[in-house]
Protein backbone atom coordinates (compact mmCIF):
# COMPACT_ATOMS: atom_id res chain seq x y z
CA PRO A 1 0.00 0.00 0.00
CA ASN A 2 2.97 2.35 0.32
CA TYR A 3 4.47 1.73 -3.13
CA HIS A 4 5.98 4.73 -4.93
CA ASP A 5 7.64 5.10 -8.33
CA GLN A 6 10.70 7.30 -7.86
CA ILE A 7 13.73 8.36 -9.92
CA GLY A 8 17.08 6.60 -9.51
CA LEU A 9 20.48 6.67 -11.16
CA PHE A 10 22.69 3.99 -12.71
CA THR A 11 26.17 4.74 -14.08
CA GLN A 12 29.22 3.26 -15.74
CA PRO A 13 32.59 4.79 -16.73
CA ALA A 14 32.31 6.83 -19.93
CA ASP A 15 35.87 6.00 -21.04
CA ASP A 16 35.11 2.26 -20.94
CA PHE A 17 31.45 2.32 -21.97
CA LYS A 18 29.81 -1.08 -22.52
CA PRO A 19 26.38 -0.76 -24.15
CA PHE A 20 25.10 -3.97 -22.55
CA GLY A 21 26.42 -3.11 -19.10
CA PRO A 22 27.04 -3.75 -16.34
CA TRP A 23 25.47 -0.59 -14.94
CA ASN A 24 26.16 0.34 -11.33
CA GLU A 25 23.29 1.42 -9.09
CA TYR A 26 24.00 4.62 -7.16
CA ALA A 27 23.94 3.93 -3.43
CA GLY A 28 22.03 7.16 -2.79
CA ASN A 29 18.98 6.20 -4.88
CA PRO A 30 16.37 7.50 -5.28
CA VAL A 31 18.01 10.75 -6.37
CA ILE A 32 14.55 12.33 -6.76
CA PRO A 33 12.08 10.87 -4.22
CA HIS A 34 8.32 11.27 -4.08
CA GLY A 35 6.98 14.39 -2.40
CA PRO A 36 5.23 14.82 0.96
CA GLU A 37 1.53 14.16 1.45
CA GLY A 38 -0.60 16.63 -0.47
CA SER A 39 2.09 17.51 -3.02
CA PHE A 40 1.63 17.04 -6.78
CA ASP A 41 4.18 14.18 -6.79
CA GLU A 42 3.25 12.53 -3.49
CA TRP A 43 2.58 9.13 -5.08
CA HIS A 44 4.64 8.57 -8.23
CA LEU A 45 7.43 10.14 -10.30
CA LEU A 46 7.56 8.88 -13.90
CA ASP A 47 8.97 9.58 -17.38
CA CYS A 48 12.06 11.56 -16.43
CA ALA A 49 13.82 13.75 -19.03
CA ALA A 50 17.28 15.09 -18.16
CA VAL A 51 19.14 18.00 -19.78
CA LYS A 52 22.34 19.85 -18.91
CA GLY A 53 22.27 23.63 -19.14
CA PRO A 54 25.09 25.97 -20.20
CA ASP A 55 26.43 26.35 -16.63
CA GLY A 56 26.53 22.58 -16.02
CA THR A 57 23.31 22.44 -14.01
CA VAL A 58 21.33 19.25 -14.72
CA TYR A 59 17.55 19.71 -14.96
CA VAL A 60 15.23 16.70 -14.78
CA TYR A 61 11.63 17.11 -15.91
CA TYR A 62 9.27 14.37 -14.75
CA LYS A 63 5.63 13.37 -14.48
CA GLY A 64 4.22 13.68 -10.96
CA ARG A 65 1.11 11.87 -9.69
CA MET A 66 -0.87 12.57 -6.52
CA LYS A 67 -3.72 10.91 -4.63
CA ASN A 68 -7.41 11.72 -4.73
CA ASP A 69 -9.32 12.33 -1.51
CA ASN A 70 -10.48 8.70 -1.57
CA GLY A 71 -6.88 7.45 -1.62
CA SER A 72 -6.82 6.36 -5.27
CA MET A 73 -4.33 7.73 -7.79
CA ASP A 74 -5.40 10.98 -9.42
CA PRO A 75 -5.48 10.40 -13.21
CA THR A 76 -4.31 13.97 -13.80
CA SER A 77 -0.52 14.27 -13.95
CA CYS A 78 1.72 17.32 -13.62
CA ILE A 79 5.19 18.12 -14.94
CA GLY A 80 7.71 18.76 -12.20
CA VAL A 81 11.34 19.81 -12.48
CA ALA A 82 14.31 19.20 -10.20
CA TYR A 83 17.86 20.48 -10.66
CA SER A 84 21.35 19.40 -9.65
CA THR A 85 24.69 21.24 -9.56
CA ASP A 86 26.82 18.15 -8.85
CA GLY A 87 26.25 16.24 -12.10
CA GLY A 88 22.98 14.55 -11.24
CA TYR A 89 23.48 13.05 -7.79
CA THR A 90 21.87 15.63 -5.50
CA PHE A 91 18.67 17.37 -6.58
CA ALA A 92 16.47 20.20 -5.36
CA LYS A 93 12.88 20.43 -6.60
CA LYS A 94 11.18 23.52 -7.94
CA GLU A 95 8.30 24.19 -5.58
CA GLY A 96 5.03 23.15 -7.17
CA PRO A 97 4.50 21.78 -10.68
CA TRP A 98 6.23 23.24 -13.72
CA LYS A 99 3.03 22.63 -15.71
CA LYS A 100 -0.37 21.14 -14.94
CA PRO A 101 -1.54 18.93 -16.48
CA GLY A 102 1.09 17.20 -18.58
CA GLY A 103 3.96 14.77 -18.81
CA PRO A 104 7.42 15.14 -20.38
CA SER A 105 9.26 12.81 -22.73
CA ASP A 106 12.64 14.50 -23.36
CA ALA A 107 14.53 17.76 -22.94
CA VAL A 108 17.25 19.40 -25.06
CA TYR A 109 19.39 22.52 -24.62
CA HIS A 110 20.36 24.11 -27.95
CA ASP A 111 21.46 27.56 -29.06
CA GLY A 112 20.55 29.27 -25.80
CA LYS A 113 17.13 27.68 -25.39
CA PHE A 114 15.61 24.69 -23.59
CA TYR A 115 13.25 22.44 -25.54
CA ILE A 116 10.95 20.37 -23.30
CA PHE A 117 9.25 17.67 -25.38
CA CYS A 118 5.84 16.33 -24.37
CA GLY A 119 4.76 13.75 -26.95
CA PRO A 120 3.57 15.64 -30.05
CA ARG A 121 4.42 19.07 -28.57
CA VAL A 122 7.49 20.98 -27.48
CA TYR A 123 7.81 23.91 -25.08
CA VAL A 124 10.67 26.32 -25.82
CA THR A 125 12.08 28.67 -23.19
CA GLU A 126 15.25 30.40 -22.07
CA ASP A 127 14.29 29.84 -18.42
CA PRO A 128 14.23 26.11 -17.60
CA LEU A 129 12.25 26.66 -14.38
CA SER A 130 9.44 28.72 -15.92
CA TYR A 131 6.59 27.23 -17.94
CA GLU A 132 4.99 30.70 -18.11
CA LYS A 133 7.91 32.02 -20.18
CA SER A 134 7.75 29.13 -22.67
CA THR A 135 6.19 28.93 -26.12
CA MET A 136 4.40 25.76 -27.23
CA TYR A 137 4.73 24.26 -30.74
CA LYS A 138 2.87 21.30 -32.23
CA ILE A 139 5.52 19.09 -33.84
CA LEU A 140 3.81 15.81 -34.84
CA ASP A 141 0.36 14.93 -36.18
CA LEU A 142 -1.49 11.69 -35.59
CA GLY A 143 -1.31 9.18 -38.42
CA ASP A 144 1.09 8.78 -41.37
CA GLY A 145 3.27 6.27 -39.50
CA PRO A 146 3.59 2.69 -40.82
CA SER A 147 0.06 1.27 -41.32
CA GLU A 148 -1.27 4.34 -39.49
CA PHE A 149 -0.09 2.72 -36.24
CA ASP A 150 0.12 6.16 -34.59
CA ARG A 151 -3.39 7.37 -35.48
CA ALA A 152 -4.65 7.22 -31.86
CA SER A 153 -1.69 8.59 -29.89
CA ILE A 154 1.93 9.73 -30.12
CA TRP A 155 4.13 9.84 -27.06
CA GLY A 156 7.61 9.12 -25.72
CA SER A 157 9.35 11.49 -28.13
CA MET A 158 13.10 11.07 -27.45
CA VAL A 159 15.55 13.31 -29.33
CA PHE A 160 19.11 12.46 -30.43
CA ARG A 161 21.91 13.53 -32.79
CA LEU A 162 24.38 11.48 -34.85
CA ASP A 163 28.01 12.36 -35.49
CA GLY A 164 28.48 13.89 -38.95
CA ILE A 165 24.74 14.14 -39.69
CA ASP A 166 23.31 17.65 -39.64
CA LYS A 167 19.84 16.68 -38.45
CA TRP A 168 17.94 16.03 -35.26
CA PHE A 169 16.19 12.70 -34.86
CA LEU A 170 13.19 11.87 -32.70
CA ALA A 171 12.14 8.34 -31.77
CA TYR A 172 8.57 7.94 -30.54
CA GLN A 173 5.94 5.38 -29.56
CA GLY A 174 2.48 5.28 -31.08
CA MET A 175 -0.87 3.52 -30.82
CA SER A 176 -3.67 2.79 -33.26
CA ILE A 177 -6.49 1.82 -30.87
CA ARG A 178 -5.88 3.50 -27.48
CA ASN A 179 -3.85 6.15 -25.71
CA ASP A 180 -1.34 3.83 -24.00
CA PHE A 181 0.31 0.38 -24.20
CA PRO A 182 2.04 0.94 -27.59
CA ASP A 183 3.58 -1.92 -29.53
CA ARG A 184 6.20 -0.20 -31.75
CA PHE A 185 8.53 2.75 -32.28
CA HIS A 186 9.05 5.05 -35.24
CA VAL A 187 11.25 8.08 -36.06
CA ALA A 188 10.97 11.63 -37.39
CA TYR A 189 13.80 14.03 -38.29
CA SER A 190 14.25 17.80 -38.26
CA ASP A 191 16.65 20.61 -39.10
CA ASP A 192 15.50 22.97 -36.34
CA LEU A 193 13.75 20.97 -33.54
CA LEU A 194 10.40 22.52 -34.50
CA ASN A 195 9.54 21.18 -37.97
CA TRP A 196 9.59 17.38 -38.13
CA THR A 197 9.20 14.86 -40.96
CA LYS A 198 8.23 11.27 -40.22
CA VAL A 199 10.36 8.61 -41.87
CA LYS A 200 8.45 7.28 -44.89
CA ASN A 201 9.10 3.61 -44.35
CA ASP A 202 6.42 0.97 -43.81
CA GLN A 203 8.78 -0.95 -41.55
CA PRO A 204 8.66 0.28 -37.94
CA LEU A 205 11.90 1.25 -36.28
CA TYR A 206 11.38 -1.46 -33.68
CA GLY A 207 8.51 -3.60 -32.37
CA ARG A 208 7.66 -5.40 -29.17
CA GLY A 209 8.81 -8.95 -28.57
CA SER A 210 7.07 -11.99 -29.98
CA ALA A 211 4.34 -13.76 -28.00
CA GLY A 212 5.91 -15.41 -24.98
CA GLU A 213 8.89 -13.04 -24.75
CA TRP A 214 9.61 -10.77 -21.78
CA ASP A 215 8.55 -7.63 -23.71
CA GLN A 216 5.50 -9.09 -25.45
CA GLY A 217 3.15 -6.37 -24.14
CA GLY A 218 3.75 -2.62 -24.31
CA MET A 219 6.92 -0.60 -24.89
CA TRP A 220 7.90 2.99 -24.06
CA CYS A 221 10.68 5.60 -23.96
CA PRO A 222 12.93 4.80 -26.98
CA GLU A 223 16.24 6.40 -25.94
CA ILE A 224 18.92 6.07 -28.68
CA ILE A 225 22.66 6.70 -28.31
CA GLU A 226 25.52 6.32 -30.78
CA HIS A 227 28.70 4.42 -29.91
CA GLU A 228 31.48 3.31 -32.28
CA GLY A 229 29.33 3.26 -35.42
CA MET A 230 26.39 1.50 -33.77
CA LEU A 231 23.10 2.79 -32.39
CA TYR A 232 21.76 1.42 -29.11
CA LEU A 233 18.06 1.71 -28.31
CA TYR A 234 17.23 1.53 -24.60
CA TYR A 235 13.53 1.12 -23.82
CA GLU A 236 10.99 0.07 -21.22
CA GLY A 237 9.18 -3.15 -22.07
CA TRP A 238 6.22 -4.73 -20.31
CA GLY A 239 5.46 -8.42 -19.94
CA TYR A 240 6.89 -11.72 -18.76
CA LYS A 241 8.17 -14.86 -20.45
CA GLY A 242 5.42 -17.37 -21.15
CA HIS A 243 1.83 -17.56 -22.37
CA VAL A 244 -0.44 -14.54 -21.90
CA LYS A 245 -4.18 -14.76 -22.50
CA ASP A 246 -4.30 -11.36 -24.22
CA ARG A 247 -1.01 -9.55 -24.68
CA ASN A 248 -2.86 -6.49 -26.01
CA ALA A 249 -4.64 -5.99 -22.68
CA PRO A 250 -2.96 -2.97 -21.03
CA TYR A 251 -0.79 -3.81 -18.06
CA PHE A 252 -1.68 -7.49 -17.84
CA GLY A 253 -0.05 -9.21 -14.86
CA GLY A 254 3.56 -8.56 -15.84
CA ASN A 255 6.22 -6.02 -15.01
CA SER A 256 8.50 -3.42 -16.57
CA SER A 257 12.12 -4.10 -17.48
CA ILE A 258 14.76 -2.19 -19.43
CA GLY A 259 15.77 -3.68 -22.76
CA VAL A 260 18.35 -2.73 -25.39
CA ALA A 261 18.31 -3.26 -29.15
CA TYR A 262 20.97 -2.26 -31.67
CA ALA A 263 21.60 -1.51 -35.33
CA SER A 264 24.44 -0.10 -37.38
CA LYS A 265 24.40 3.63 -38.04
CA LYS A 266 24.45 2.97 -41.79
CA ASP A 267 21.45 0.63 -41.63
CA PHE A 268 19.53 3.20 -39.62
CA LEU A 269 20.25 6.00 -42.09
CA ARG A 270 19.24 3.72 -44.99
CA TRP A 271 16.00 2.91 -43.17
CA CYS A 272 15.40 6.67 -42.80
CA GLY A 273 15.93 7.12 -46.54
CA LEU A 274 18.77 9.59 -45.94
CA ILE A 275 21.50 7.54 -47.66
CA GLU A 276 21.50 4.98 -50.46
């Protein structure tokens, strides 16, 4: 009855990076705990998006959930923000929500501005602690993904760059029949972080596991990094190994785990249609 989702930290040495781990859990976890009773994040903290500002301060935007008066989880979520001046180990929270309602997916600092991505929208501001000073832009429309798989919802927009490629890329999750429990990822690209073009390829970037696999249910948060000519996709997958009566039923009796998939940089760019 006292379960809380909170935000923790895992690390490994950057000069000896191993994409498949091991990752070391920080002894001080959670680095951002749930708030006190009555606060907007008293129950759960989800969907964290970290960005480093020009002075080295790390800002983490996250989805906060609170309780209703009857003790159940309030379906309305807020965006909170916490900040750290020691590289992401010790955080202070901005008092109150950054935005209500809402939930973040990624954050980028570029050319003097912070871009806080929230699914198909982005909020642009020079002040990372102020939603009021931000400007909102719609960046993705429903539909047009492979087989219209994203006609019902678009979320989990995670932004990345590739060495030697003068474009921004955005990996996202989509659904065709409901708002959550997506089964695949796709990609869009941009020159300016505001105008995005979906990859015109009927093959999804990546799909959930086959029936019986650990990630046979839903999948979220496609975070992609480049390392030595390869791309590594870290994601949250839901499920468990074995038979499931209906693997399309949201949050059937399984659990979340972190998975990783990989592809060569060249194969990815071919899939995007950006090289021959």
